[in-house]
């Protein structure tokens, strides 16, 4: 339809509509990728948090069990927040005879890299290794360090 003076009537051409749809499609794709990355990050942070709780539970169990840990490696499974985890507890000697270093690493089943790793120190307060002569004579869990990798 022509208006006097040879100009076309108001509206968009097919090319303009196609360009607008292309720009919209690119923008929506970028938004969808961003949301997907945010969801993945949230899920990974949840797994790392739960794994750290599993490691903290293992160190707390050592403290509450009041047992002098053997110099060895123990492994086991744990369930936290509806997720299955595998843990490895490595107990090592320190330069102080009455102090042991305990490192707990937590993994997803079938994974080789740890989600969380915590280190604690257990002090023997009894008179000899493995002895318990009364209340308060078990190991004391020292300061903990760690990282949620």
N, C-alpha and C. Protein backbone atom coordinates (compact mmCIF):
# COMPACT_ATOMS: atom_id res chain seq x y z
N UNK A 1 0.84 -1.15 0.00
CA UNK A 1 0.00 0.00 0.00
C UNK A 1 0.89 1.22 0.00
N UNK A 2 0.61 2.18 -0.82
CA UNK A 2 1.41 3.39 -0.97
C UNK A 2 0.67 4.59 -0.42
N UNK A 3 1.41 5.42 0.24
CA UNK A 3 0.88 6.70 0.71
C UNK A 3 1.35 7.74 -0.29
N UNK A 4 0.63 8.83 -0.37
CA UNK A 4 1.02 9.86 -1.35
C UNK A 4 2.46 10.26 -1.13
N UNK A 5 3.18 10.46 -2.16
CA UNK A 5 4.58 10.82 -2.11
C UNK A 5 5.48 9.62 -2.32
N UNK A 6 4.93 8.44 -2.56
CA UNK A 6 5.73 7.27 -2.90
C UNK A 6 6.31 6.51 -1.70
N UNK A 7 5.97 6.87 -0.46
CA UNK A 7 6.47 6.14 0.70
C UNK A 7 5.58 4.95 1.02
N UNK A 8 6.16 3.90 1.53
CA UNK A 8 5.39 2.72 1.92
C UNK A 8 4.67 2.98 3.23
N UNK A 9 3.58 2.29 3.45
CA UNK A 9 2.82 2.44 4.69
C UNK A 9 3.64 1.89 5.85
N UNK A 10 3.32 2.31 7.13
CA UNK A 10 4.07 1.88 8.31
C UNK A 10 4.02 0.38 8.48
N UNK A 11 5.09 -0.20 9.10
CA UNK A 11 5.18 -1.64 9.33
C UNK A 11 6.61 -2.10 9.19
N UNK A 12 6.82 -3.38 9.42
CA UNK A 12 8.16 -3.95 9.33
C UNK A 12 8.24 -4.84 8.10
N UNK A 13 9.42 -4.84 7.52
CA UNK A 13 9.63 -5.72 6.38
C UNK A 13 9.95 -7.12 6.90
N UNK A 14 9.90 -8.09 6.04
CA UNK A 14 10.20 -9.46 6.42
C UNK A 14 11.63 -9.58 6.90
N UNK A 15 12.56 -8.90 6.29
CA UNK A 15 13.97 -8.95 6.68
C UNK A 15 14.15 -8.40 8.10
N UNK A 16 13.47 -7.31 8.42
CA UNK A 16 13.58 -6.73 9.75
C UNK A 16 13.04 -7.69 10.82
N UNK A 17 11.97 -8.37 10.52
CA UNK A 17 11.40 -9.33 11.47
C UNK A 17 12.34 -10.51 11.67
N UNK A 18 12.94 -10.99 10.58
CA UNK A 18 13.88 -12.11 10.69
C UNK A 18 15.11 -11.72 11.50
N UNK A 19 15.63 -10.51 11.31
CA UNK A 19 16.79 -10.05 12.08
C UNK A 19 16.42 -9.94 13.56
N UNK A 20 15.24 -9.41 13.86
CA UNK A 20 14.79 -9.30 15.25
C UNK A 20 14.67 -10.69 15.89
N UNK A 21 14.14 -11.66 15.17
CA UNK A 21 14.01 -13.02 15.69
C UNK A 21 15.38 -13.66 15.91
N UNK A 22 16.32 -13.39 15.04
CA UNK A 22 17.68 -13.92 15.19
C UNK A 22 18.34 -13.35 16.44
N UNK A 23 18.21 -12.05 16.67
CA UNK A 23 18.78 -11.42 17.87
C UNK A 23 18.12 -12.01 19.12
N UNK A 24 16.82 -12.18 19.10
CA UNK A 24 16.10 -12.76 20.23
C UNK A 24 16.56 -14.19 20.50
N UNK A 25 16.73 -14.98 19.45
CA UNK A 25 17.17 -16.37 19.61
C UNK A 25 18.57 -16.43 20.23
N UNK A 26 19.47 -15.57 19.80
CA UNK A 26 20.82 -15.55 20.36
C UNK A 26 20.78 -15.16 21.84
N UNK A 27 19.98 -14.16 22.17
CA UNK A 27 19.87 -13.72 23.56
C UNK A 27 19.29 -14.81 24.45
N UNK A 28 18.26 -15.50 23.98
CA UNK A 28 17.65 -16.57 24.77
C UNK A 28 18.60 -17.75 24.96
N UNK A 29 19.40 -18.04 23.94
CA UNK A 29 20.39 -19.11 24.06
C UNK A 29 21.42 -18.77 25.12
N UNK A 30 21.87 -17.52 25.14
CA UNK A 30 22.85 -17.10 26.16
C UNK A 30 22.25 -17.18 27.56
N UNK A 31 21.00 -16.78 27.72
CA UNK A 31 20.34 -16.86 29.02
C UNK A 31 20.20 -18.32 29.46
N UNK A 32 19.83 -19.20 28.55
CA UNK A 32 19.67 -20.62 28.88
C UNK A 32 21.00 -21.23 29.31
N UNK A 33 22.09 -20.89 28.64
CA UNK A 33 23.40 -21.41 29.02
C UNK A 33 23.81 -20.89 30.39
N UNK A 34 23.54 -19.64 30.65
CA UNK A 34 23.87 -19.06 31.95
C UNK A 34 23.11 -19.73 33.08
N UNK A 35 21.83 -19.99 32.87
CA UNK A 35 21.03 -20.68 33.89
C UNK A 35 21.51 -22.11 34.10
N UNK A 36 21.87 -22.77 33.02
CA UNK A 36 22.39 -24.14 33.13
C UNK A 36 23.68 -24.19 33.93
N UNK A 37 24.57 -23.22 33.69
CA UNK A 37 25.83 -23.17 34.44
C UNK A 37 25.56 -22.88 35.91
N UNK A 38 24.61 -22.01 36.20
CA UNK A 38 24.28 -21.69 37.60
C UNK A 38 23.72 -22.92 38.32
N UNK A 39 22.89 -23.68 37.63
CA UNK A 39 22.32 -24.89 38.23
C UNK A 39 23.41 -25.92 38.50
N UNK A 40 24.34 -26.10 37.54
CA UNK A 40 25.45 -27.03 37.73
C UNK A 40 26.31 -26.61 38.92
N UNK A 41 26.59 -25.33 39.04
CA UNK A 41 27.41 -24.83 40.13
C UNK A 41 26.73 -25.06 41.47
N UNK A 42 25.45 -24.83 41.53
CA UNK A 42 24.70 -25.04 42.77
C UNK A 42 24.74 -26.51 43.18
N UNK A 43 24.57 -27.40 42.24
CA UNK A 43 24.61 -28.83 42.55
C UNK A 43 26.00 -29.24 43.03
N UNK A 44 27.03 -28.73 42.41
CA UNK A 44 28.40 -29.07 42.82
C UNK A 44 28.70 -28.53 44.22
N UNK A 45 28.26 -27.32 44.51
CA UNK A 45 28.46 -26.76 45.84
C UNK A 45 27.73 -27.57 46.91
N UNK A 46 26.56 -28.06 46.57
CA UNK A 46 25.81 -28.89 47.52
C UNK A 46 26.58 -30.19 47.80
N UNK A 47 27.10 -30.83 46.75
CA UNK A 47 27.88 -32.06 46.95
C UNK A 47 29.11 -31.81 47.79
N UNK A 48 29.81 -30.69 47.54
CA UNK A 48 31.01 -30.38 48.31
C UNK A 48 30.68 -30.10 49.78
N UNK A 49 29.57 -29.42 50.01
CA UNK A 49 29.16 -29.14 51.39
C UNK A 49 28.83 -30.43 52.12
N UNK A 50 28.08 -31.31 51.48
CA UNK A 50 27.73 -32.59 52.10
C UNK A 50 28.98 -33.43 52.34
N UNK A 51 29.92 -33.40 51.40
CA UNK A 51 31.17 -34.15 51.56
C UNK A 51 31.96 -33.62 52.75
N UNK A 52 31.99 -32.32 52.92
CA UNK A 52 32.70 -31.74 54.08
C UNK A 52 32.03 -32.19 55.38
N UNK A 53 30.72 -32.25 55.40
CA UNK A 53 30.02 -32.72 56.60
C UNK A 53 30.37 -34.17 56.91
N UNK A 54 30.53 -34.99 55.87
CA UNK A 54 30.93 -36.39 56.08
C UNK A 54 32.31 -36.42 56.73
N UNK A 55 33.24 -35.61 56.23
CA UNK A 55 34.59 -35.57 56.80
C UNK A 55 34.55 -35.08 58.25
N UNK A 56 33.76 -34.06 58.52
CA UNK A 56 33.63 -33.56 59.89
C UNK A 56 33.04 -34.64 60.82
N UNK A 57 32.10 -35.42 60.31
CA UNK A 57 31.51 -36.51 61.09
C UNK A 57 32.57 -37.56 61.45
N UNK A 58 33.44 -37.88 60.50
CA UNK A 58 34.49 -38.87 60.77
C UNK A 58 35.43 -38.37 61.86
N UNK A 59 35.83 -37.10 61.79
CA UNK A 59 36.72 -36.55 62.81
C UNK A 59 36.01 -36.48 64.17
N UNK A 60 34.73 -36.13 64.16
CA UNK A 60 33.97 -36.08 65.41
C UNK A 60 33.83 -37.49 66.00
N UNK A 61 33.65 -38.49 65.16
CA UNK A 61 33.55 -39.87 65.65
C UNK A 61 34.85 -40.30 66.34
N UNK A 62 35.99 -39.85 65.82
CA UNK A 62 37.27 -40.15 66.46
C UNK A 62 37.34 -39.51 67.85
N UNK A 63 36.91 -38.28 67.92
CA UNK A 63 36.96 -37.57 69.18
C UNK A 63 36.02 -38.21 70.21
N UNK A 64 34.82 -38.54 69.78
CA UNK A 64 33.83 -39.10 70.70
C UNK A 64 34.13 -40.55 71.06
N UNK A 65 34.78 -41.27 70.14
CA UNK A 65 35.11 -42.67 70.40
C UNK A 65 36.21 -42.85 71.41
N UNK A 66 37.00 -41.80 71.66
CA UNK A 66 38.09 -41.82 72.63
C UNK A 66 39.04 -42.98 72.41
N UNK A 67 39.30 -43.32 71.16
CA UNK A 67 40.25 -44.38 70.83
C UNK A 67 41.49 -43.75 70.22
N UNK A 68 42.63 -44.28 70.55
CA UNK A 68 43.89 -43.84 69.96
C UNK A 68 43.97 -44.48 68.58
N UNK A 69 43.93 -43.66 67.51
CA UNK A 69 43.87 -44.24 66.16
C UNK A 69 45.16 -44.93 65.76
N UNK A 70 45.02 -46.09 65.12
CA UNK A 70 46.17 -46.83 64.62
C UNK A 70 46.74 -46.11 63.40
N UNK A 71 48.03 -46.32 63.16
CA UNK A 71 48.68 -45.74 61.99
C UNK A 71 48.30 -46.58 60.77
N UNK A 72 47.20 -46.25 60.15
CA UNK A 72 46.72 -47.03 59.02
C UNK A 72 45.81 -46.18 58.13
N UNK A 73 45.23 -46.85 57.16
CA UNK A 73 44.26 -46.23 56.26
C UNK A 73 42.96 -47.00 56.37
N UNK A 74 41.89 -46.29 56.63
CA UNK A 74 40.57 -46.91 56.70
C UNK A 74 39.70 -46.30 55.62
N UNK A 75 38.79 -47.10 55.11
CA UNK A 75 37.86 -46.62 54.09
C UNK A 75 36.45 -47.07 54.46
N UNK A 76 35.49 -46.32 53.98
CA UNK A 76 34.11 -46.69 54.24
C UNK A 76 33.15 -45.87 53.40
N UNK A 77 31.89 -46.14 53.59
CA UNK A 77 30.84 -45.44 52.86
C UNK A 77 30.00 -44.65 53.85
N UNK A 78 29.43 -43.57 53.35
CA UNK A 78 28.56 -42.75 54.19
C UNK A 78 27.44 -42.19 53.32
N UNK A 79 26.34 -41.90 53.97
CA UNK A 79 25.20 -41.29 53.29
C UNK A 79 24.92 -39.97 53.99
N UNK A 80 24.83 -38.91 53.23
CA UNK A 80 24.56 -37.59 53.81
C UNK A 80 23.65 -36.84 52.86
N UNK A 81 22.53 -36.38 53.36
CA UNK A 81 21.62 -35.59 52.54
C UNK A 81 21.07 -36.34 51.34
N UNK A 82 20.94 -37.65 51.46
CA UNK A 82 20.41 -38.44 50.36
C UNK A 82 21.45 -38.75 49.28
N UNK A 83 22.72 -38.41 49.52
CA UNK A 83 23.79 -38.70 48.57
C UNK A 83 24.74 -39.72 49.17
N UNK A 84 25.24 -40.61 48.34
CA UNK A 84 26.21 -41.60 48.80
C UNK A 84 27.62 -41.05 48.60
N UNK A 85 28.48 -41.29 49.59
CA UNK A 85 29.87 -40.85 49.52
C UNK A 85 30.77 -41.99 49.97
N UNK A 86 32.02 -41.90 49.57
CA UNK A 86 33.06 -42.84 49.99
C UNK A 86 34.11 -42.01 50.72
N UNK A 87 34.57 -42.46 51.88
CA UNK A 87 35.58 -41.72 52.62
C UNK A 87 36.83 -42.56 52.84
N UNK A 88 37.95 -41.86 53.00
CA UNK A 88 39.23 -42.52 53.30
C UNK A 88 39.88 -41.74 54.44
N UNK A 89 40.23 -42.45 55.50
CA UNK A 89 40.86 -41.84 56.68
C UNK A 89 42.29 -42.34 56.76
N UNK A 90 43.25 -41.43 56.66
CA UNK A 90 44.67 -41.78 56.74
C UNK A 90 45.23 -41.21 58.03
N UNK A 91 45.76 -42.10 58.87
CA UNK A 91 46.33 -41.67 60.14
C UNK A 91 47.84 -41.78 60.04
N UNK A 92 48.51 -40.70 60.40
CA UNK A 92 49.96 -40.67 60.32
C UNK A 92 50.58 -40.17 61.61
N UNK A 93 51.85 -40.46 61.76
CA UNK A 93 52.59 -40.03 62.94
C UNK A 93 52.99 -38.56 62.79
N UNK A 94 53.28 -37.95 63.91
CA UNK A 94 53.79 -36.59 63.94
C UNK A 94 55.09 -36.59 64.73
N UNK A 95 55.83 -35.49 64.71
CA UNK A 95 57.06 -35.44 65.52
C UNK A 95 56.78 -35.56 67.01
N UNK A 96 55.57 -35.29 67.42
CA UNK A 96 55.19 -35.44 68.84
C UNK A 96 54.60 -36.84 69.02
N UNK A 97 55.19 -37.62 69.91
CA UNK A 97 54.81 -39.03 70.07
C UNK A 97 53.35 -39.21 70.47
N UNK A 98 52.80 -38.28 71.22
CA UNK A 98 51.42 -38.43 71.71
C UNK A 98 50.42 -37.69 70.83
N UNK A 99 50.79 -37.46 69.58
CA UNK A 99 49.92 -36.73 68.67
C UNK A 99 49.89 -37.45 67.33
N UNK A 100 48.71 -37.65 66.79
CA UNK A 100 48.54 -38.29 65.47
C UNK A 100 47.82 -37.33 64.54
N UNK A 101 48.21 -37.38 63.30
CA UNK A 101 47.58 -36.57 62.24
C UNK A 101 46.57 -37.45 61.52
N UNK A 102 45.33 -37.00 61.42
CA UNK A 102 44.27 -37.76 60.76
C UNK A 102 43.75 -36.93 59.60
N UNK A 103 43.85 -37.47 58.41
CA UNK A 103 43.35 -36.79 57.21
C UNK A 103 42.19 -37.59 56.64
N UNK A 104 41.05 -36.92 56.49
CA UNK A 104 39.85 -37.57 55.95
C UNK A 104 39.55 -36.97 54.59
N UNK A 105 39.50 -37.81 53.58
CA UNK A 105 39.15 -37.39 52.23
C UNK A 105 37.81 -38.02 51.88
N UNK A 106 36.95 -37.25 51.20
CA UNK A 106 35.61 -37.74 50.85
C UNK A 106 35.44 -37.65 49.34
N UNK A 107 34.95 -38.73 48.75
CA UNK A 107 34.80 -38.85 47.31
C UNK A 107 33.37 -39.23 46.95
N UNK A 108 33.00 -38.97 45.71
CA UNK A 108 31.80 -39.58 45.17
C UNK A 108 32.14 -41.01 44.79
N UNK A 109 31.20 -41.94 44.88
CA UNK A 109 31.51 -43.32 44.49
C UNK A 109 32.04 -43.38 43.06
N UNK A 110 33.17 -44.07 42.90
CA UNK A 110 33.76 -44.23 41.58
C UNK A 110 34.66 -43.09 41.15
N UNK A 111 34.78 -42.04 41.96
CA UNK A 111 35.63 -40.90 41.61
C UNK A 111 36.98 -41.02 42.31
N UNK A 112 38.01 -40.44 41.69
CA UNK A 112 39.34 -40.49 42.26
C UNK A 112 39.76 -39.20 42.95
N UNK A 113 39.14 -38.08 42.57
CA UNK A 113 39.51 -36.81 43.18
C UNK A 113 38.55 -36.48 44.32
N UNK A 114 39.09 -36.04 45.46
CA UNK A 114 38.24 -35.79 46.61
C UNK A 114 37.39 -34.53 46.45
N UNK A 115 36.17 -34.61 46.97
CA UNK A 115 35.31 -33.43 47.03
C UNK A 115 35.69 -32.57 48.22
N UNK A 116 36.12 -33.22 49.30
CA UNK A 116 36.52 -32.48 50.51
C UNK A 116 37.64 -33.25 51.19
N UNK A 117 38.50 -32.49 51.87
CA UNK A 117 39.61 -33.09 52.60
C UNK A 117 39.80 -32.28 53.88
N UNK A 118 39.75 -32.96 55.02
CA UNK A 118 39.95 -32.31 56.31
C UNK A 118 41.08 -33.00 57.05
N UNK A 119 41.84 -32.22 57.79
CA UNK A 119 42.92 -32.76 58.60
C UNK A 119 42.70 -32.35 60.05
N UNK A 120 42.84 -33.32 60.93
CA UNK A 120 42.73 -33.05 62.36
C UNK A 120 43.88 -33.72 63.08
N UNK A 121 44.08 -33.34 64.31
CA UNK A 121 45.14 -33.92 65.13
C UNK A 121 44.52 -34.49 66.39
N UNK A 122 44.91 -35.72 66.71
CA UNK A 122 44.39 -36.39 67.89
C UNK A 122 45.52 -36.52 68.89
N UNK A 123 45.27 -36.05 70.12
CA UNK A 123 46.25 -36.12 71.18
C UNK A 123 45.90 -37.26 72.11
N UNK A 124 46.90 -38.07 72.43
CA UNK A 124 46.68 -39.15 73.37
C UNK A 124 46.85 -38.57 74.78
N UNK A 125 45.83 -38.74 75.60
CA UNK A 125 45.91 -38.19 76.95
C UNK A 125 46.00 -39.27 78.01
N UNK A 126 45.93 -40.56 77.61
CA UNK A 126 46.09 -41.67 78.56
C UNK A 126 47.56 -41.89 78.86
N UNK A 127 47.88 -42.91 79.67
CA UNK A 127 49.27 -43.15 80.05
C UNK A 127 50.03 -43.97 79.03
N UNK A 128 49.33 -44.76 78.20
CA UNK A 128 50.00 -45.53 77.17
C UNK A 128 49.06 -45.68 75.99
N UNK A 129 49.61 -45.99 74.80
CA UNK A 129 48.75 -46.10 73.61
C UNK A 129 47.64 -47.10 73.83
N UNK A 130 46.43 -46.67 73.54
CA UNK A 130 45.26 -47.53 73.62
C UNK A 130 44.65 -47.63 75.00
N UNK A 131 45.29 -46.99 76.00
CA UNK A 131 44.72 -47.11 77.35
C UNK A 131 43.69 -46.04 77.59
N UNK A 132 42.72 -46.41 78.43
CA UNK A 132 41.71 -45.45 78.87
C UNK A 132 41.53 -45.69 80.35
N UNK A 133 42.03 -44.75 81.16
CA UNK A 133 42.00 -44.97 82.59
C UNK A 133 40.85 -44.26 83.28
N UNK A 134 40.04 -43.55 82.55
CA UNK A 134 38.91 -42.87 83.17
C UNK A 134 38.37 -41.79 82.26
N UNK A 135 37.36 -41.07 82.74
CA UNK A 135 36.77 -40.01 81.93
C UNK A 135 37.80 -38.93 81.60
N UNK A 136 37.76 -38.49 80.37
CA UNK A 136 38.64 -37.40 79.94
C UNK A 136 40.04 -37.84 79.60
N UNK A 137 40.30 -39.16 79.54
CA UNK A 137 41.66 -39.61 79.24
C UNK A 137 41.81 -40.08 77.82
N UNK A 138 40.80 -39.96 77.00
CA UNK A 138 40.87 -40.38 75.61
C UNK A 138 41.55 -39.34 74.75
N UNK A 139 41.57 -39.57 73.46
CA UNK A 139 42.23 -38.61 72.58
C UNK A 139 41.45 -37.30 72.52
N UNK A 140 42.17 -36.25 72.32
CA UNK A 140 41.57 -34.93 72.14
C UNK A 140 41.80 -34.53 70.69
N UNK A 141 40.76 -34.14 70.01
CA UNK A 141 40.89 -33.71 68.63
C UNK A 141 41.35 -32.27 68.62
N UNK A 142 42.47 -32.03 67.97
CA UNK A 142 43.02 -30.68 67.93
C UNK A 142 42.42 -29.85 66.83
N UNK A 143 43.05 -28.71 66.54
CA UNK A 143 42.55 -27.82 65.50
C UNK A 143 42.42 -28.56 64.17
N UNK A 144 41.40 -28.21 63.43
CA UNK A 144 41.17 -28.83 62.13
C UNK A 144 41.50 -27.84 61.04
N UNK A 145 42.10 -28.36 60.01
CA UNK A 145 42.30 -27.56 58.81
C UNK A 145 41.71 -28.33 57.67
N UNK A 146 41.45 -27.70 56.60
CA UNK A 146 40.90 -28.45 55.48
C UNK A 146 40.49 -27.55 54.36
N UNK A 147 40.10 -28.19 53.29
CA UNK A 147 39.61 -27.46 52.14
C UNK A 147 38.54 -28.28 51.47
N UNK A 148 37.60 -27.60 50.91
CA UNK A 148 36.57 -28.27 50.10
C UNK A 148 36.98 -28.07 48.66
N UNK A 149 37.71 -29.03 48.15
CA UNK A 149 38.26 -28.88 46.81
C UNK A 149 37.24 -29.19 45.76
